[in-house]
């Protein structure tokens, strides 16, 4: 089940899909994926901790900062083609995150949408 992350200064959950909550959807961003899923300690399927991607580089990916994460995850992506992206493959088959619960399909779909939109650093 996805974790509800609260909008800063608000009592409503932040939207994982990039929407502002007013019906306008901008699509998922790298900043949202990085902050709300990959390095969020409260998110059960995060990628942090010993033997993971923060601290340090594991399998060529370093999630210690948003910038390092984006630059080092690029070799696992096929922008515009989520189904050809290694990141989506390992998330769907459950081999990542290693030692943590499998990422929910809805969250993998958000990452897929970001990749389909070109996997920009935004």
C-alpha atoms as a PDB file:
ATOM      1  CA  UNK A   1       0.000   0.000   0.000  1.00  0.00           C
ATOM      2  CA  UNK A   2       1.437   3.429  -0.909  1.00  0.00           C
ATOM      3  CA  UNK A   3       2.470   5.650   1.965  1.00  0.00           C
ATOM      4  CA  UNK A   4       0.589   8.922   2.422  1.00  0.00           C
ATOM      5  CA  UNK A   5       3.066  11.770   2.406  1.00  0.00           C
ATOM      6  CA  UNK A   6       1.743  15.111   3.570  1.00  0.00           C
ATOM      7  CA  UNK A   7       2.025  18.320   1.526  1.00  0.00           C
ATOM      8  CA  UNK A   8       4.296  20.798   3.290  1.00  0.00           C
ATOM      9  CA  UNK A   9       2.221  23.222   5.352  1.00  0.00           C
ATOM     10  CA  UNK A  10      -0.981  21.286   4.742  1.00  0.00           C
ATOM     11  CA  UNK A  11      -3.084  18.643   6.409  1.00  0.00           C
ATOM     12  CA  UNK A  12      -3.779  16.844   3.126  1.00  0.00           C
ATOM     13  CA  UNK A  13      -1.699  14.066   1.576  1.00  0.00           C
ATOM     14  CA  UNK A  14       0.670  14.997  -1.213  1.00  0.00           C
ATOM     15  CA  UNK A  15      -0.298  13.510  -4.550  1.00  0.00           C
ATOM     16  CA  UNK A  16       2.191  10.930  -5.823  1.00  0.00           C
ATOM     17  CA  UNK A  17       1.059  11.484  -9.411  1.00  0.00           C
ATOM     18  CA  UNK A  18       2.259  15.075  -9.630  1.00  0.00           C
ATOM     19  CA  UNK A  19      -1.207  16.539  -9.343  1.00  0.00           C
ATOM     20  CA  UNK A  20      -1.773  19.562  -7.186  1.00  0.00           C
ATOM     21  CA  UNK A  21      -4.962  18.142  -5.704  1.00  0.00           C
ATOM     22  CA  UNK A  22      -7.081  20.565  -7.737  1.00  0.00           C
ATOM     23  CA  UNK A  23      -7.572  18.211 -10.669  1.00  0.00           C
ATOM     24  CA  UNK A  24      -4.535  19.459 -12.607  1.00  0.00           C
ATOM     25  CA  UNK A  25      -2.029  16.685 -13.235  1.00  0.00           C
ATOM     26  CA  UNK A  26       1.507  17.537 -14.265  1.00  0.00           C
ATOM     27  CA  UNK A  27       2.760  13.945 -14.091  1.00  0.00           C
ATOM     28  CA  UNK A  28       5.299  12.402 -11.730  1.00  0.00           C
ATOM     29  CA  UNK A  29       8.668  14.109 -11.357  1.00  0.00           C
ATOM     30  CA  UNK A  30      12.113  12.846 -10.406  1.00  0.00           C
ATOM     31  CA  UNK A  31      11.941  14.987  -7.250  1.00  0.00           C
ATOM     32  CA  UNK A  32       8.675  13.300  -6.203  1.00  0.00           C
ATOM     33  CA  UNK A  33       9.894   9.785  -6.989  1.00  0.00           C
ATOM     34  CA  UNK A  34      13.207  10.374  -5.227  1.00  0.00           C
ATOM     35  CA  UNK A  35      11.804  12.085  -2.140  1.00  0.00           C
ATOM     36  CA  UNK A  36       8.567  10.196  -1.572  1.00  0.00           C
ATOM     37  CA  UNK A  37       9.575   6.693  -2.594  1.00  0.00           C
ATOM     38  CA  UNK A  38      13.269   5.980  -3.037  1.00  0.00           C
ATOM     39  CA  UNK A  39      14.711   7.718   0.041  1.00  0.00           C
ATOM     40  CA  UNK A  40      11.663   8.148   2.275  1.00  0.00           C
ATOM     41  CA  UNK A  41      12.451   6.138   5.421  1.00  0.00           C
ATOM     42  CA  UNK A  42       8.702   5.869   6.137  1.00  0.00           C
ATOM     43  CA  UNK A  43       8.068   4.230   2.753  1.00  0.00           C
ATOM     44  CA  UNK A  44       8.359   0.431   3.217  1.00  0.00           C
ATOM     45  CA  UNK A  45       9.883  -0.162  -0.236  1.00  0.00           C
ATOM     46  CA  UNK A  46      12.570   2.530   0.035  1.00  0.00           C
ATOM     47  CA  UNK A  47      16.089   2.075  -1.306  1.00  0.00           C
ATOM     48  CA  UNK A  48      18.078   3.347   1.686  1.00  0.00           C
ATOM     49  CA  UNK A  49      20.232   1.766   4.342  1.00  0.00           C
ATOM     50  CA  UNK A  50      23.078  -0.692   4.565  1.00  0.00           C
ATOM     51  CA  UNK A  51      23.670  -2.688   1.385  1.00  0.00           C
ATOM     52  CA  UNK A  52      21.345  -0.388  -0.562  1.00  0.00           C
ATOM     53  CA  UNK A  53      21.878   2.772  -2.597  1.00  0.00           C
ATOM     54  CA  UNK A  54      22.366   5.209   0.298  1.00  0.00           C
ATOM     55  CA  UNK A  55      24.939   5.542   1.663  1.00  0.00           C
ATOM     56  CA  UNK A  56      27.250   4.901  -1.241  1.00  0.00           C
ATOM     57  CA  UNK A  57      26.914   3.330  -4.641  1.00  0.00           C
ATOM     58  CA  UNK A  58      25.383  -0.106  -5.066  1.00  0.00           C
ATOM     59  CA  UNK A  59      25.175  -1.533  -8.614  1.00  0.00           C
ATOM     60  CA  UNK A  60      26.195   1.865  -9.979  1.00  0.00           C
ATOM     61  CA  UNK A  61      23.359   3.811  -8.346  1.00  0.00           C
ATOM     62  CA  UNK A  62      24.017   6.373  -5.597  1.00  0.00           C
ATOM     63  CA  UNK A  63      20.883   7.823  -3.970  1.00  0.00           C
ATOM     64  CA  UNK A  64      22.738   9.846  -1.325  1.00  0.00           C
ATOM     65  CA  UNK A  65      21.476  13.067  -2.986  1.00  0.00           C
ATOM     66  CA  UNK A  66      18.722  13.799  -5.492  1.00  0.00           C
ATOM     67  CA  UNK A  67      21.299  14.941  -8.036  1.00  0.00           C
ATOM     68  CA  UNK A  68      23.545  11.881  -7.659  1.00  0.00           C
ATOM     69  CA  UNK A  69      20.495   9.660  -7.810  1.00  0.00           C
ATOM     70  CA  UNK A  70      19.315  11.102 -11.100  1.00  0.00           C
ATOM     71  CA  UNK A  71      22.738  11.065 -12.719  1.00  0.00           C
ATOM     72  CA  UNK A  72      23.566   7.511 -11.615  1.00  0.00           C
ATOM     73  CA  UNK A  73      20.165   5.937 -12.349  1.00  0.00           C
ATOM     74  CA  UNK A  74      20.247   7.016 -15.999  1.00  0.00           C
ATOM     75  CA  UNK A  75      22.060   3.855 -17.102  1.00  0.00           C
ATOM     76  CA  UNK A  76      19.076   1.806 -15.857  1.00  0.00           C
ATOM     77  CA  UNK A  77      16.508   3.798 -17.877  1.00  0.00           C
ATOM     78  CA  UNK A  78      15.292   3.938 -21.462  1.00  0.00           C
ATOM     79  CA  UNK A  79      13.621   7.378 -21.570  1.00  0.00           C
ATOM     80  CA  UNK A  80      10.279   7.150 -23.344  1.00  0.00           C
ATOM     81  CA  UNK A  81      10.285   3.341 -23.007  1.00  0.00           C
ATOM     82  CA  UNK A  82       9.500   2.215 -19.461  1.00  0.00           C
ATOM     83  CA  UNK A  83       9.095  -1.450 -20.439  1.00  0.00           C
ATOM     84  CA  UNK A  84      12.650  -1.421 -21.833  1.00  0.00           C
ATOM     85  CA  UNK A  85      14.031   0.138 -18.625  1.00  0.00           C
ATOM     86  CA  UNK A  86      15.949  -2.119 -16.273  1.00  0.00           C
ATOM     87  CA  UNK A  87      14.631  -0.136 -13.301  1.00  0.00           C
ATOM     88  CA  UNK A  88      11.039  -1.075 -14.120  1.00  0.00           C
ATOM     89  CA  UNK A  89      12.017  -4.699 -14.712  1.00  0.00           C
ATOM     90  CA  UNK A  90      13.669  -5.115 -11.288  1.00  0.00           C
ATOM     91  CA  UNK A  91      10.823  -3.316  -9.514  1.00  0.00           C
ATOM     92  CA  UNK A  92       8.135  -5.410 -11.224  1.00  0.00           C
ATOM     93  CA  UNK A  93       9.880  -8.731 -10.623  1.00  0.00           C
ATOM     94  CA  UNK A  94      10.513  -7.825  -6.981  1.00  0.00           C
ATOM     95  CA  UNK A  95      14.296  -8.248  -7.056  1.00  0.00           C
ATOM     96  CA  UNK A  96      14.474  -4.618  -5.921  1.00  0.00           C
ATOM     97  CA  UNK A  97      14.250  -3.246  -3.398  1.00  0.00           C
ATOM     98  CA  UNK A  98      16.366  -6.050  -2.000  1.00  0.00           C
ATOM     99  CA  UNK A  99      15.272  -7.141   1.477  1.00  0.00           C
ATOM    100  CA  UNK A 100      12.226  -4.861   1.505  1.00  0.00           C
ATOM    101  CA  UNK A 101       8.574  -5.304   0.484  1.00  0.00           C
ATOM    102  CA  UNK A 102       7.891  -5.300  -3.248  1.00  0.00           C
ATOM    103  CA  UNK A 103       6.951  -1.821  -4.464  1.00  0.00           C
ATOM    104  CA  UNK A 104       3.192  -1.479  -5.027  1.00  0.00           C
ATOM    105  CA  UNK A 105       2.091  -1.615  -8.676  1.00  0.00           C
ATOM    106  CA  UNK A 106       0.577   1.889  -8.458  1.00  0.00           C
ATOM    107  CA  UNK A 107       3.975   3.308  -7.464  1.00  0.00           C
ATOM    108  CA  UNK A 108       5.778   1.386 -10.202  1.00  0.00           C
ATOM    109  CA  UNK A 109       3.200   2.868 -12.579  1.00  0.00           C
ATOM    110  CA  UNK A 110       4.189   6.361 -11.399  1.00  0.00           C
ATOM    111  CA  UNK A 111       7.851   5.640 -12.118  1.00  0.00           C
ATOM    112  CA  UNK A 112       6.865   4.159 -15.482  1.00  0.00           C
ATOM    113  CA  UNK A 113       4.909   7.325 -16.322  1.00  0.00           C
ATOM    114  CA  UNK A 114       7.950   9.453 -15.475  1.00  0.00           C
ATOM    115  CA  UNK A 115      10.145   7.312 -17.739  1.00  0.00           C
ATOM    116  CA  UNK A 116       7.504   7.374 -20.507  1.00  0.00           C
ATOM    117  CA  UNK A 117       7.536  11.185 -20.299  1.00  0.00           C
ATOM    118  CA  UNK A 118      11.289  11.195 -20.903  1.00  0.00           C
ATOM    119  CA  UNK A 119      12.767  10.608 -17.408  1.00  0.00           C
ATOM    120  CA  UNK A 120      13.690  14.263 -16.969  1.00  0.00           C
ATOM    121  CA  UNK A 121      15.560  15.688 -13.988  1.00  0.00           C
ATOM    122  CA  UNK A 122      12.652  17.687 -12.586  1.00  0.00           C
END
